[in-house]
């Protein structure tokens, strides 16, 4: 099968391209070149239609659309531009998918749920106030889900919950472990009582591959996460320290010292993964993920 992965040089994109290239013909598109990747890759602006993008979608079998502005710091510092960029990219990709009637897997986000202890794909959704432009990310992703469903007849939407593991270079678990490896104090924003649940990149790759093998694109939405990995940021920091046998300190930073007034945080977000579990249950615990990242070179 010919598969096109947008954002193929990002964290999830790299993991998917390396695994799927073992059995499929993979092309990736990204804004940055990866000199360590020997496969076919294009570098360009996905918000504009061009001949090579048109042809790649025309002659591929499946598009895995991951490309998007991401990261709390990038979103916070570019609150006036990231939403426009996101929607332009998605409208362009979805329009080409519609034009050639292709299959697409769209990468959404758990951000659409805001605060919840049991996020279900069937929930009515409430997004934060526009007075906090930080919620534009969630609004943009949710709007893009509607665009995907309205324009792309053969679609699957994946809402990722804190994917991390080997290769991550942005997430909170990565930052904790990086600090430990550098013998630096761990830094937590806020009081550390925020509740998160983490999903190993290996489980994400396996589940996405299962979706591809199922070959049923009828507009389903899946939460992709691990409900067994619920943990507060305070307890996560302590677990990282325990597994690393490190004695660095845990420091706390006020949000206002780092972020703009547009920032707002999630207090608790936990997925309902019953739908995902019908195909596959996530296997890796928080301890498994930490161990893999501590051992990563």
Protein backbone atom coordinates (compact mmCIF):
# COMPACT_ATOMS: atom_id res chain seq x y z
CA UNK A 1 0.00 0.00 0.00
CA UNK A 2 1.13 3.54 -0.75
CA UNK A 3 0.84 5.71 2.36
CA UNK A 4 1.45 9.45 2.64
CA UNK A 5 2.27 10.76 6.12
CA UNK A 6 2.08 14.51 6.69
CA UNK A 7 4.20 15.64 9.62
CA UNK A 8 6.28 12.52 9.03
CA UNK A 9 9.37 13.97 10.69
CA UNK A 10 7.60 14.74 13.96
CA UNK A 11 7.54 12.50 17.02
CA UNK A 12 4.53 10.34 16.12
CA UNK A 13 5.29 10.64 12.41
CA UNK A 14 8.80 9.21 12.76
CA UNK A 15 7.58 6.24 14.76
CA UNK A 16 4.84 5.48 12.24
CA UNK A 17 6.99 5.93 9.14
CA UNK A 18 9.76 3.68 10.50
CA UNK A 19 7.32 0.90 11.38
CA UNK A 20 5.02 1.14 8.36
CA UNK A 21 7.92 1.37 5.88
CA UNK A 22 8.71 -2.27 6.68
CA UNK A 23 5.59 -3.36 4.79
CA UNK A 24 4.31 -0.32 2.87
CA UNK A 25 5.53 2.28 0.37
CA UNK A 26 5.85 5.39 2.54
CA UNK A 27 6.18 9.04 1.53
CA UNK A 28 6.42 11.78 4.13
CA UNK A 29 5.78 15.51 3.97
CA UNK A 30 7.06 17.92 6.59
CA UNK A 31 8.28 21.47 7.07
CA UNK A 32 11.74 20.22 8.08
CA UNK A 33 14.11 17.74 6.41
CA UNK A 34 15.33 14.66 8.29
CA UNK A 35 18.78 13.73 7.04
CA UNK A 36 18.63 10.45 8.96
CA UNK A 37 15.64 9.22 6.96
CA UNK A 38 16.45 7.46 3.69
CA UNK A 39 12.90 7.22 2.40
CA UNK A 40 10.99 9.57 0.14
CA UNK A 41 10.29 12.93 1.72
CA UNK A 42 9.02 16.32 0.58
CA UNK A 43 9.59 19.58 2.39
CA UNK A 44 7.06 22.31 1.83
CA UNK A 45 4.10 24.43 2.88
CA UNK A 46 0.98 22.28 3.23
CA UNK A 47 -1.32 25.29 3.38
CA UNK A 48 -0.91 25.85 -0.36
CA UNK A 49 -1.84 23.50 -3.18
CA UNK A 50 1.07 22.68 -5.46
CA UNK A 51 1.77 20.12 -8.15
CA UNK A 52 3.80 17.69 -6.04
CA UNK A 53 1.26 17.70 -3.19
CA UNK A 54 -1.61 17.21 -5.63
CA UNK A 55 0.19 14.29 -7.29
CA UNK A 56 1.19 12.61 -4.03
CA UNK A 57 -2.39 12.57 -2.79
CA UNK A 58 -3.72 11.59 -6.23
CA UNK A 59 -1.52 8.49 -6.44
CA UNK A 60 -1.48 7.37 -2.81
CA UNK A 61 -3.86 4.89 -1.14
CA UNK A 62 -4.01 6.38 2.36
CA UNK A 63 -3.12 9.72 3.94
CA UNK A 64 -2.14 9.80 7.62
CA UNK A 65 -2.52 13.49 8.40
CA UNK A 66 -0.43 14.45 11.44
CA UNK A 67 0.94 17.85 10.39
CA UNK A 68 -0.18 20.65 12.72
CA UNK A 69 1.18 23.41 14.94
CA UNK A 70 1.83 21.69 18.29
CA UNK A 71 3.33 22.30 21.72
CA UNK A 72 2.03 24.52 24.53
CA UNK A 73 4.90 26.98 24.21
CA UNK A 74 4.50 27.35 20.43
CA UNK A 75 0.74 27.75 20.74
CA UNK A 76 1.06 30.27 23.57
CA UNK A 77 3.72 32.37 21.85
CA UNK A 78 1.96 32.29 18.47
CA UNK A 79 -1.64 32.60 19.62
CA UNK A 80 -2.50 35.07 16.86
CA UNK A 81 -1.26 32.91 13.96
CA UNK A 82 -1.32 29.19 14.77
CA UNK A 83 -5.09 28.74 14.31
CA UNK A 84 -5.07 30.26 10.83
CA UNK A 85 -2.10 28.07 9.90
CA UNK A 86 -3.81 24.94 11.20
CA UNK A 87 -7.09 25.53 9.39
CA UNK A 88 -5.41 26.44 6.09
CA UNK A 89 -3.36 23.24 6.17
CA UNK A 90 -6.32 21.04 7.03
CA UNK A 91 -8.72 22.59 4.53
CA UNK A 92 -6.11 22.17 1.80
CA UNK A 93 -5.39 18.52 2.64
CA UNK A 94 -9.06 17.58 3.11
CA UNK A 95 -10.03 19.25 -0.18
CA UNK A 96 -7.44 17.19 -2.08
CA UNK A 97 -8.55 14.03 -0.30
CA UNK A 98 -12.11 14.80 -1.38
CA UNK A 99 -11.01 15.55 -4.94
CA UNK A 100 -9.43 12.12 -5.34
CA UNK A 101 -11.74 10.22 -2.94
CA UNK A 102 -8.90 8.92 -0.80
CA UNK A 103 -8.80 7.30 2.64
CA UNK A 104 -7.55 9.47 5.48
CA UNK A 105 -6.60 9.03 9.13
CA UNK A 106 -6.72 12.43 10.82
CA UNK A 107 -4.79 13.18 13.99
CA UNK A 108 -6.95 15.18 16.40
CA UNK A 109 -6.33 15.73 20.11
CA UNK A 110 -7.64 15.07 23.61
CA UNK A 111 -7.68 18.88 24.01
CA UNK A 112 -11.22 18.86 22.60
CA UNK A 113 -12.41 17.40 25.93
CA UNK A 114 -11.02 20.16 28.20
CA UNK A 115 -11.47 18.81 31.80
CA UNK A 116 -13.04 15.38 32.22
CA UNK A 117 -12.57 12.16 34.18
CA UNK A 118 -14.13 9.91 31.55
CA UNK A 119 -13.73 11.34 28.05
CA UNK A 120 -15.90 9.45 25.58
CA UNK A 121 -16.00 9.81 21.81
CA UNK A 122 -19.77 10.30 22.11
CA UNK A 123 -19.61 13.22 24.58
CA UNK A 124 -20.97 16.66 23.91
CA UNK A 125 -17.94 18.92 24.06
CA UNK A 126 -17.27 22.17 25.90
CA UNK A 127 -14.24 24.26 24.94
CA UNK A 128 -12.81 27.14 26.95
CA UNK A 129 -13.65 30.81 26.43
CA UNK A 130 -12.28 32.71 23.41
CA UNK A 131 -10.87 35.18 25.94
CA UNK A 132 -8.16 32.54 26.37
CA UNK A 133 -6.73 32.13 22.89
CA UNK A 134 -4.97 28.99 24.09
CA UNK A 135 -8.32 27.21 23.58
CA UNK A 136 -8.11 28.07 19.90
CA UNK A 137 -6.02 24.92 19.49
CA UNK A 138 -8.85 22.71 20.74
CA UNK A 139 -11.40 24.70 18.73
CA UNK A 140 -9.25 24.40 15.61
CA UNK A 141 -8.85 20.66 16.00
CA UNK A 142 -12.57 20.16 16.60
CA UNK A 143 -13.46 22.36 13.61
CA UNK A 144 -11.03 20.27 11.57
CA UNK A 145 -12.80 17.09 12.67
CA UNK A 146 -16.04 18.52 11.25
CA UNK A 147 -14.21 19.51 8.06
CA UNK A 148 -12.71 16.05 7.73
CA UNK A 149 -16.06 14.36 8.17
CA UNK A 150 -17.85 16.71 5.77
CA UNK A 151 -15.23 16.63 3.01
CA UNK A 152 -13.67 13.16 3.27
CA UNK A 153 -16.03 10.24 2.75
CA UNK A 154 -13.51 7.63 3.95
CA UNK A 155 -12.08 8.89 7.23
CA UNK A 156 -10.92 7.85 10.69
CA UNK A 157 -10.20 10.39 13.47
CA UNK A 158 -7.77 9.63 16.29
CA UNK A 159 -7.79 11.72 19.48
CA UNK A 160 -4.40 11.24 21.13
CA UNK A 161 -3.95 11.41 24.92
CA UNK A 162 -0.42 12.45 25.97
CA UNK A 163 1.58 10.21 23.66
CA UNK A 164 5.18 9.90 24.83
CA UNK A 165 8.10 7.49 24.90
CA UNK A 166 11.25 6.96 22.87
CA UNK A 167 11.70 9.82 20.42
CA UNK A 168 9.59 12.38 22.29
CA UNK A 169 11.27 15.77 22.60
CA UNK A 170 8.45 18.00 23.89
CA UNK A 171 6.18 16.30 26.43
CA UNK A 172 6.21 16.67 30.20
CA UNK A 173 7.59 13.18 30.82
CA UNK A 174 10.40 13.85 28.36
CA UNK A 175 11.23 17.11 30.15
CA UNK A 176 11.31 15.43 33.57
CA UNK A 177 13.63 12.70 32.32
CA UNK A 178 15.84 15.13 30.42
CA UNK A 179 16.33 17.13 33.63
CA UNK A 180 17.24 13.96 35.54
CA UNK A 181 19.76 12.88 32.88
CA UNK A 182 21.35 16.34 33.03
CA UNK A 183 21.35 16.22 36.84
CA UNK A 184 19.10 19.28 36.92
CA UNK A 185 16.07 19.93 39.10
CA UNK A 186 12.68 18.93 37.73
CA UNK A 187 10.39 21.88 37.03
CA UNK A 188 6.60 21.68 37.37
CA UNK A 189 4.22 24.43 36.24
CA UNK A 190 1.53 25.10 38.83
CA UNK A 191 1.13 23.00 41.97
CA UNK A 192 1.61 19.59 40.34
CA UNK A 193 -1.87 18.31 41.19
CA UNK A 194 -2.84 18.24 37.51
CA UNK A 195 -3.99 14.75 36.48
CA UNK A 196 -2.76 13.20 33.22
CA UNK A 197 -2.73 9.81 31.56
CA UNK A 198 0.15 8.77 29.30
CA UNK A 199 0.27 6.45 26.30
CA UNK A 200 3.43 4.84 24.97
CA UNK A 201 4.34 5.56 21.36
CA UNK A 202 4.70 1.80 20.79
CA UNK A 203 1.02 1.31 21.64
CA UNK A 204 0.06 4.20 19.33
CA UNK A 205 1.98 2.71 16.41
CA UNK A 206 0.47 -0.74 16.99
CA UNK A 207 -3.07 0.65 17.24
CA UNK A 208 -2.69 2.78 14.10
CA UNK A 209 -1.41 -0.26 12.25
CA UNK A 210 -4.47 -2.20 13.44
CA UNK A 211 -6.69 0.57 12.08
CA UNK A 212 -4.93 0.31 8.72
CA UNK A 213 -5.35 -3.47 8.65
CA UNK A 214 -9.05 -3.18 9.53
CA UNK A 215 -9.42 -1.07 6.35
CA UNK A 216 -12.78 0.34 7.46
CA UNK A 217 -13.05 4.10 6.99
CA UNK A 218 -16.58 5.05 7.98
CA UNK A 219 -16.02 8.16 10.06
CA UNK A 220 -15.20 6.53 13.40
CA UNK A 221 -13.50 8.53 16.16
CA UNK A 222 -11.13 6.76 18.57
CA UNK A 223 -9.59 7.91 21.82
CA UNK A 224 -6.00 6.67 21.73
CA UNK A 225 -4.59 6.42 25.23
CA UNK A 226 -4.10 4.26 28.31
CA UNK A 227 -6.63 4.70 31.09
CA UNK A 228 -4.44 2.63 33.44
CA UNK A 229 -1.72 5.30 33.34
CA UNK A 230 -3.59 8.01 35.28
CA UNK A 231 -1.17 9.99 37.46
CA UNK A 232 -0.64 13.47 38.90
CA UNK A 233 2.37 15.47 37.77
CA UNK A 234 3.71 15.38 41.33
CA UNK A 235 3.53 11.58 41.41
CA UNK A 236 4.97 11.36 37.90
CA UNK A 237 8.00 13.40 38.95
CA UNK A 238 8.49 11.16 42.00
CA UNK A 239 8.18 8.01 39.88
CA UNK A 240 10.78 9.33 37.42
CA UNK A 241 13.14 10.10 40.31
CA UNK A 242 12.59 6.69 41.88
CA UNK A 243 13.25 4.76 38.69
CA UNK A 244 16.31 6.83 37.86
CA UNK A 245 17.57 6.61 41.47
CA UNK A 246 18.06 10.37 41.25
CA UNK A 247 18.06 12.92 44.06
CA UNK A 248 17.49 16.10 42.08
CA UNK A 249 14.87 18.41 43.51
CA UNK A 250 11.36 19.23 42.29
CA UNK A 251 10.77 22.94 41.73
CA UNK A 252 7.47 24.73 41.05
CA UNK A 253 6.94 27.64 38.67
CA UNK A 254 3.88 29.88 38.52
CA UNK A 255 2.09 29.89 35.18
CA UNK A 256 2.26 33.67 34.95
CA UNK A 257 6.06 33.55 35.16
CA UNK A 258 6.26 31.51 31.95
CA UNK A 259 3.08 31.86 29.91
CA UNK A 260 1.03 34.75 28.59
CA UNK A 261 -2.41 35.71 29.89
CA UNK A 262 -3.85 33.60 27.06
CA UNK A 263 -2.74 30.39 28.77
CA UNK A 264 -5.04 28.09 30.70
CA UNK A 265 -4.30 24.59 31.99
CA UNK A 266 -6.11 21.28 32.21
CA UNK A 267 -6.77 20.13 35.77
CA UNK A 268 -7.78 16.56 34.93
CA UNK A 269 -8.29 14.65 31.70
CA UNK A 270 -8.77 10.89 31.57
CA UNK A 271 -9.91 8.92 28.50
CA UNK A 272 -12.59 6.31 28.13
CA UNK A 273 -10.80 3.77 25.90
CA UNK A 274 -13.55 1.16 25.52
CA UNK A 275 -13.80 1.75 21.78
CA UNK A 276 -10.03 1.51 21.27
CA UNK A 277 -9.88 -1.60 23.44
CA UNK A 278 -12.20 -3.47 21.09
CA UNK A 279 -9.28 -3.51 18.65
CA UNK A 280 -6.33 -3.38 21.03
CA UNK A 281 -5.52 -2.54 24.64
CA UNK A 282 -2.49 -0.40 25.45
CA UNK A 283 0.18 -2.48 27.15
CA UNK A 284 2.89 -0.17 28.46
CA UNK A 285 2.69 1.30 31.98
CA UNK A 286 4.08 4.65 33.11
CA UNK A 287 7.00 2.74 34.61
CA UNK A 288 7.61 0.99 31.27
CA UNK A 289 7.63 4.32 29.44
CA UNK A 290 9.99 5.95 31.94
CA UNK A 291 12.37 2.98 31.74
CA UNK A 292 12.49 3.13 27.95
CA UNK A 293 13.21 6.87 27.98
CA UNK A 294 15.86 6.59 30.69
CA UNK A 295 17.62 3.99 28.54
CA UNK A 296 17.28 6.03 25.34
CA UNK A 297 20.61 7.26 24.01
